[in-house]
Protein backbone atom coordinates (compact mmCIF):
# COMPACT_ATOMS: atom_id res chain seq x y z
CA MET A 1 0.00 0.00 0.00
CA MET A 2 2.86 2.37 0.72
CA PHE A 3 4.30 2.03 -2.77
CA LEU A 4 1.07 2.72 -4.63
CA ILE A 5 1.84 6.42 -5.12
CA PRO A 6 5.41 5.95 -6.43
CA VAL A 7 4.27 3.21 -8.79
CA ALA A 8 1.48 5.45 -10.07
CA SER A 9 3.89 8.32 -10.68
CA VAL A 10 6.32 6.07 -12.56
CA VAL A 11 3.55 4.57 -14.72
CA LEU A 12 2.12 7.99 -15.55
CA PHE A 13 5.62 9.27 -16.31
CA LEU A 14 6.22 6.39 -18.71
CA PHE A 15 2.89 6.94 -20.49
CA LEU A 16 3.52 10.64 -20.99
CA TRP A 17 7.17 10.16 -21.87
CA ARG A 18 6.34 7.63 -24.59
CA ALA A 19 3.69 10.00 -25.99
CA ASN A 20 6.25 12.89 -26.04
CA GLU A 21 3.98 15.05 -23.88
CA LEU A 22 6.61 16.05 -21.31
CA SER A 23 8.56 19.22 -22.04
CA GLN A 24 11.00 18.70 -19.14
CA SER A 25 11.19 14.95 -18.80
CA TYR A 26 14.57 15.03 -17.00
CA ALA A 27 13.23 17.30 -14.26
CA VAL A 28 10.10 15.18 -13.76
CA GLY A 29 12.15 11.98 -13.76
CA GLY A 30 14.57 13.51 -11.26
CA CYS A 31 11.73 14.44 -8.93
CA ILE A 32 10.40 10.90 -9.12
CA LEU A 33 13.82 9.43 -8.38
CA VAL A 34 14.43 11.75 -5.43
CA GLY A 35 11.01 10.91 -3.98
CA LEU A 36 11.58 7.21 -4.51
CA ALA A 37 15.03 7.35 -2.89
CA GLY A 38 13.54 9.20 0.08
CA GLN A 39 10.92 6.52 0.51
CA LEU A 40 13.27 3.56 0.04
CA PHE A 41 16.22 4.63 2.16
CA ALA A 42 14.65 6.66 4.98
CA PRO A 43 12.98 5.04 7.98
CA VAL A 44 9.24 4.67 7.59
CA TYR A 45 7.21 7.67 8.82
CA SER A 46 10.28 9.87 9.22
CA LEU A 47 10.33 13.42 7.87
CA ILE A 48 12.39 12.47 4.81
CA TRP A 49 10.04 9.58 4.04
CA ILE A 50 7.00 11.85 4.25
CA VAL A 51 8.64 14.48 2.02
CA GLY A 52 9.44 11.77 -0.55
CA LEU A 53 5.86 10.55 -0.42
CA LEU A 54 4.48 14.06 -0.87
CA LEU A 55 6.88 14.72 -3.75
CA ASN A 56 5.74 11.56 -5.52
CA ALA A 57 2.09 12.40 -4.83
CA GLY A 58 2.51 15.89 -6.28
CA VAL A 59 4.20 14.55 -9.39
CA ALA A 60 1.54 11.86 -9.82
CA ILE A 61 -1.27 14.40 -9.51
CA SER A 62 0.32 16.80 -11.98
CA LEU A 63 0.99 13.98 -14.46
CA ALA A 64 -2.58 12.70 -14.12
CA ILE A 65 -3.89 16.19 -14.88
CA ARG A 66 -1.61 16.44 -17.91
CA LEU A 67 -2.72 12.99 -19.10
CA ASN A 68 -6.36 13.99 -18.76
CA LEU A 69 -5.74 17.16 -20.79
CA MET A 70 -3.96 15.22 -23.51
């Protein structure tokens, strides 16, 4: 359950990247990787883990909006 948001952000990133709809794909991919690293390597429910989760949630929401507008 904890990895639902990062998986969703990666899947949405791959869909939009393959459709060439991302203007700054390196920045979006970097945000996803930083959020994923924060969730994987920090202790669960620590401040870094929560920031990584929120970063991935923000990216997933923005990518879902962009996919809906596509």
